Amino acid sequence: MTDPSTQSSDHETAWATASGTIRKGMKVLSADGALLGTVEKLLGEEVMLAEHGPGERTSFIAVTQIDGISDDAVLLSDRGDATFGLGAEP
C-alpha cells in the first residue's frame, strides 16, 4: 500500500505499492485478461488511467483492486469493486 500522505508529481514514472511497482504506461487488465487501459499516474490510493480520446473523462482504479503486477501489466482482482470506470477529476 502506498503512503496516503505521498502525492504523485507529474514527473514521476514509477510508484511502489504493496503489490509491486506500478510504472507509467503499464497495461491494466481485468481479471479475465481484457485490456482496460494504461497507467497514467498514481494519486494517493488511485491509479489514474490514460485518456483514450478527446474529451473523455479520466478513469481510475483503486489500489485495493490490484491482484498482481507483472513486468508490463497490472492485473485486477475479480471481486467486482464498483469504482472502476467512474470518472475522476484529475
N, C-alpha and C. Protein backbone atom coordinates (compact mmCIF):
# COMPACT_ATOMS: atom_id res chain seq x y z
N MET A 1 0.85 -1.17 0.00
CA MET A 1 0.00 0.00 0.00
C MET A 1 0.89 1.23 0.00
N THR A 2 0.44 2.25 -0.69
CA THR A 2 1.22 3.47 -0.74
C THR A 2 0.96 4.30 0.51
N ASP A 3 1.85 5.21 0.79
CA ASP A 3 1.69 6.12 1.91
C ASP A 3 0.64 7.17 1.52
N PRO A 4 -0.49 7.26 2.24
CA PRO A 4 -1.54 8.20 1.87
C PRO A 4 -1.09 9.65 1.85
N SER A 5 -0.02 9.98 2.57
CA SER A 5 0.45 11.36 2.57
C SER A 5 1.32 11.66 1.36
N THR A 6 1.66 10.65 0.59
CA THR A 6 2.51 10.85 -0.58
C THR A 6 1.65 11.10 -1.80
N GLN A 7 1.88 12.20 -2.45
CA GLN A 7 1.15 12.51 -3.67
C GLN A 7 2.10 12.41 -4.85
N SER A 8 1.59 11.92 -5.95
CA SER A 8 2.37 11.77 -7.17
C SER A 8 2.61 13.14 -7.78
N SER A 9 3.77 13.31 -8.35
CA SER A 9 4.01 14.53 -9.12
C SER A 9 4.04 14.15 -10.59
N ASP A 10 3.89 15.14 -11.46
CA ASP A 10 3.78 14.87 -12.88
C ASP A 10 5.05 14.28 -13.49
N HIS A 11 6.21 14.45 -12.86
CA HIS A 11 7.44 13.93 -13.44
C HIS A 11 7.75 12.50 -13.02
N GLU A 12 7.01 11.95 -12.06
CA GLU A 12 7.25 10.57 -11.63
C GLU A 12 6.73 9.59 -12.68
N THR A 13 7.44 8.46 -12.80
CA THR A 13 7.02 7.44 -13.76
C THR A 13 6.91 6.07 -13.13
N ALA A 14 7.18 5.93 -11.83
CA ALA A 14 7.06 4.64 -11.14
C ALA A 14 6.66 4.89 -9.69
N TRP A 15 5.80 3.97 -9.18
CA TRP A 15 5.29 4.12 -7.82
C TRP A 15 5.28 2.75 -7.14
N ALA A 16 5.78 2.70 -5.92
CA ALA A 16 5.82 1.44 -5.16
C ALA A 16 4.49 1.24 -4.44
N THR A 17 3.94 0.04 -4.53
CA THR A 17 2.73 -0.33 -3.80
C THR A 17 2.99 -1.66 -3.11
N ALA A 18 2.06 -2.10 -2.29
CA ALA A 18 2.19 -3.38 -1.60
C ALA A 18 2.22 -4.54 -2.59
N SER A 19 1.60 -4.37 -3.77
CA SER A 19 1.55 -5.42 -4.78
C SER A 19 2.79 -5.45 -5.67
N GLY A 20 3.53 -4.36 -5.69
CA GLY A 20 4.71 -4.24 -6.55
C GLY A 20 4.81 -2.83 -7.10
N THR A 21 5.74 -2.62 -8.02
CA THR A 21 5.96 -1.30 -8.59
C THR A 21 5.09 -1.10 -9.82
N ILE A 22 4.34 -0.02 -9.81
CA ILE A 22 3.50 0.35 -10.95
C ILE A 22 4.25 1.43 -11.72
N ARG A 23 4.32 1.27 -13.05
CA ARG A 23 5.01 2.22 -13.90
C ARG A 23 4.06 2.84 -14.92
N LYS A 24 4.30 4.08 -15.24
CA LYS A 24 3.52 4.78 -16.27
C LYS A 24 3.59 3.97 -17.56
N GLY A 25 2.44 3.82 -18.22
CA GLY A 25 2.38 3.11 -19.50
C GLY A 25 2.07 1.62 -19.37
N MET A 26 2.05 1.08 -18.15
CA MET A 26 1.73 -0.34 -17.97
C MET A 26 0.28 -0.59 -18.39
N LYS A 27 0.01 -1.78 -18.95
CA LYS A 27 -1.35 -2.18 -19.28
C LYS A 27 -2.09 -2.49 -17.99
N VAL A 28 -3.37 -2.18 -17.95
CA VAL A 28 -4.23 -2.56 -16.84
C VAL A 28 -5.23 -3.58 -17.39
N LEU A 29 -5.20 -4.80 -16.80
CA LEU A 29 -6.01 -5.90 -17.30
C LEU A 29 -7.05 -6.30 -16.26
N SER A 30 -8.27 -6.61 -16.75
CA SER A 30 -9.30 -7.13 -15.86
C SER A 30 -8.92 -8.55 -15.45
N ALA A 31 -9.66 -9.13 -14.52
CA ALA A 31 -9.37 -10.48 -14.04
C ALA A 31 -9.43 -11.51 -15.17
N ASP A 32 -10.23 -11.23 -16.21
CA ASP A 32 -10.32 -12.17 -17.34
C ASP A 32 -9.34 -11.84 -18.47
N GLY A 33 -8.46 -10.86 -18.25
CA GLY A 33 -7.41 -10.54 -19.21
C GLY A 33 -7.74 -9.46 -20.22
N ALA A 34 -8.93 -8.86 -20.13
CA ALA A 34 -9.31 -7.79 -21.06
C ALA A 34 -8.54 -6.51 -20.72
N LEU A 35 -8.06 -5.83 -21.76
CA LEU A 35 -7.33 -4.58 -21.58
C LEU A 35 -8.30 -3.47 -21.22
N LEU A 36 -8.06 -2.81 -20.08
CA LEU A 36 -8.93 -1.73 -19.62
C LEU A 36 -8.32 -0.36 -19.88
N GLY A 37 -7.03 -0.30 -20.08
CA GLY A 37 -6.35 0.97 -20.30
C GLY A 37 -4.89 0.86 -19.92
N THR A 38 -4.25 2.02 -19.83
CA THR A 38 -2.85 2.08 -19.43
C THR A 38 -2.68 3.07 -18.28
N VAL A 39 -1.67 2.84 -17.47
CA VAL A 39 -1.41 3.68 -16.30
C VAL A 39 -0.89 5.04 -16.74
N GLU A 40 -1.51 6.08 -16.19
CA GLU A 40 -1.02 7.44 -16.39
C GLU A 40 -0.22 7.90 -15.18
N LYS A 41 -0.79 7.70 -13.97
CA LYS A 41 -0.09 8.09 -12.75
C LYS A 41 -0.83 7.51 -11.55
N LEU A 42 -0.19 7.63 -10.39
CA LEU A 42 -0.79 7.21 -9.13
C LEU A 42 -1.06 8.46 -8.31
N LEU A 43 -2.30 8.60 -7.86
CA LEU A 43 -2.68 9.72 -6.99
C LEU A 43 -3.23 9.14 -5.71
N GLY A 44 -2.47 9.22 -4.64
CA GLY A 44 -2.91 8.65 -3.38
C GLY A 44 -3.11 7.15 -3.50
N GLU A 45 -4.34 6.69 -3.34
CA GLU A 45 -4.66 5.26 -3.42
C GLU A 45 -5.40 4.92 -4.72
N GLU A 46 -5.26 5.77 -5.74
CA GLU A 46 -5.93 5.54 -7.01
C GLU A 46 -4.93 5.55 -8.16
N VAL A 47 -5.07 4.56 -9.04
CA VAL A 47 -4.27 4.50 -10.26
C VAL A 47 -5.10 5.18 -11.34
N MET A 48 -4.60 6.29 -11.85
CA MET A 48 -5.30 7.02 -12.90
C MET A 48 -4.91 6.42 -14.25
N LEU A 49 -5.90 6.18 -15.10
CA LEU A 49 -5.65 5.61 -16.41
C LEU A 49 -5.58 6.72 -17.45
N ALA A 50 -4.77 6.50 -18.49
CA ALA A 50 -4.63 7.47 -19.56
C ALA A 50 -5.95 7.62 -20.30
N GLU A 51 -6.23 8.83 -20.75
CA GLU A 51 -7.43 9.08 -21.54
C GLU A 51 -7.28 8.40 -22.90
N HIS A 52 -8.40 7.94 -23.43
CA HIS A 52 -8.35 7.23 -24.70
C HIS A 52 -8.81 8.06 -25.88
N GLY A 53 -9.43 9.17 -25.65
CA GLY A 53 -9.90 10.01 -26.75
C GLY A 53 -10.17 11.42 -26.27
N PRO A 54 -10.30 12.35 -27.21
CA PRO A 54 -10.55 13.74 -26.84
C PRO A 54 -11.85 13.86 -26.04
N GLY A 55 -11.79 14.59 -24.95
CA GLY A 55 -12.98 14.86 -24.16
C GLY A 55 -13.39 13.75 -23.22
N GLU A 56 -12.71 12.61 -23.24
CA GLU A 56 -13.07 11.52 -22.33
C GLU A 56 -12.61 11.87 -20.93
N ARG A 57 -13.42 11.50 -19.94
CA ARG A 57 -13.04 11.71 -18.55
C ARG A 57 -12.02 10.66 -18.15
N THR A 58 -11.15 11.03 -17.24
CA THR A 58 -10.13 10.12 -16.77
C THR A 58 -10.77 9.05 -15.89
N SER A 59 -10.42 7.79 -16.15
CA SER A 59 -10.89 6.69 -15.32
C SER A 59 -9.80 6.33 -14.31
N PHE A 60 -10.19 5.62 -13.27
CA PHE A 60 -9.22 5.21 -12.26
C PHE A 60 -9.62 3.87 -11.68
N ILE A 61 -8.65 3.25 -11.03
CA ILE A 61 -8.92 2.04 -10.24
C ILE A 61 -8.32 2.27 -8.87
N ALA A 62 -8.91 1.68 -7.87
CA ALA A 62 -8.36 1.76 -6.51
C ALA A 62 -7.21 0.77 -6.40
N VAL A 63 -6.17 1.15 -5.67
CA VAL A 63 -5.03 0.26 -5.46
C VAL A 63 -5.49 -1.06 -4.85
N THR A 64 -6.56 -1.03 -4.07
CA THR A 64 -7.07 -2.24 -3.43
C THR A 64 -7.65 -3.24 -4.43
N GLN A 65 -7.89 -2.83 -5.67
CA GLN A 65 -8.42 -3.71 -6.70
C GLN A 65 -7.32 -4.55 -7.36
N ILE A 66 -6.06 -4.24 -7.11
CA ILE A 66 -4.95 -4.91 -7.77
C ILE A 66 -4.74 -6.30 -7.18
N ASP A 67 -4.68 -7.30 -8.07
CA ASP A 67 -4.42 -8.67 -7.66
C ASP A 67 -2.95 -9.01 -7.81
N GLY A 68 -2.29 -8.41 -8.80
CA GLY A 68 -0.88 -8.66 -9.03
C GLY A 68 -0.30 -7.72 -10.06
N ILE A 69 1.02 -7.64 -10.10
CA ILE A 69 1.73 -6.77 -11.03
C ILE A 69 2.84 -7.59 -11.67
N SER A 70 2.88 -7.59 -13.02
CA SER A 70 3.96 -8.27 -13.73
C SER A 70 4.92 -7.21 -14.26
N ASP A 71 5.84 -7.62 -15.14
CA ASP A 71 6.80 -6.67 -15.70
C ASP A 71 6.13 -5.57 -16.52
N ASP A 72 5.00 -5.88 -17.16
CA ASP A 72 4.38 -4.90 -18.05
C ASP A 72 2.88 -4.70 -17.84
N ALA A 73 2.30 -5.30 -16.80
CA ALA A 73 0.85 -5.18 -16.63
C ALA A 73 0.43 -5.20 -15.16
N VAL A 74 -0.71 -4.56 -14.92
CA VAL A 74 -1.37 -4.58 -13.62
C VAL A 74 -2.62 -5.44 -13.80
N LEU A 75 -2.74 -6.50 -13.02
CA LEU A 75 -3.89 -7.40 -13.10
C LEU A 75 -4.83 -7.12 -11.95
N LEU A 76 -6.10 -6.92 -12.27
CA LEU A 76 -7.09 -6.62 -11.24
C LEU A 76 -7.73 -7.90 -10.72
N SER A 77 -8.22 -7.84 -9.50
CA SER A 77 -8.92 -8.99 -8.92
C SER A 77 -10.32 -9.07 -9.52
N ASP A 78 -10.97 -10.20 -9.34
CA ASP A 78 -12.30 -10.39 -9.92
C ASP A 78 -13.42 -10.17 -8.90
N ARG A 79 -13.14 -9.45 -7.85
CA ARG A 79 -14.14 -9.30 -6.81
C ARG A 79 -15.22 -8.27 -7.14
N GLY A 80 -15.09 -7.60 -8.26
CA GLY A 80 -16.16 -6.69 -8.71
C GLY A 80 -16.24 -5.37 -7.99
N ASP A 81 -15.11 -4.79 -7.63
CA ASP A 81 -15.12 -3.48 -6.99
C ASP A 81 -15.80 -2.48 -7.94
N ALA A 82 -16.77 -1.76 -7.45
CA ALA A 82 -17.60 -0.91 -8.29
C ALA A 82 -16.97 0.42 -8.65
N THR A 83 -15.74 0.71 -8.22
CA THR A 83 -15.17 2.03 -8.50
C THR A 83 -14.61 2.14 -9.90
N PHE A 84 -14.27 1.03 -10.58
CA PHE A 84 -13.66 1.16 -11.90
C PHE A 84 -14.62 1.80 -12.87
N GLY A 85 -14.10 2.69 -13.67
CA GLY A 85 -14.89 3.31 -14.71
C GLY A 85 -15.59 4.59 -14.29
N LEU A 86 -15.59 4.89 -13.02
CA LEU A 86 -16.17 6.15 -12.59
C LEU A 86 -15.25 7.26 -13.04
N GLY A 87 -15.80 8.31 -13.56
CA GLY A 87 -14.98 9.42 -13.99
C GLY A 87 -14.34 10.09 -12.80
N ALA A 88 -13.11 10.47 -12.95
CA ALA A 88 -12.40 11.14 -11.87
C ALA A 88 -11.93 12.49 -12.39
N GLU A 89 -11.93 13.43 -11.53
CA GLU A 89 -11.41 14.73 -11.88
C GLU A 89 -9.95 14.78 -11.48
N PRO A 90 -9.03 14.89 -12.45
CA PRO A 90 -7.59 14.91 -12.11
C PRO A 90 -7.21 16.14 -11.33
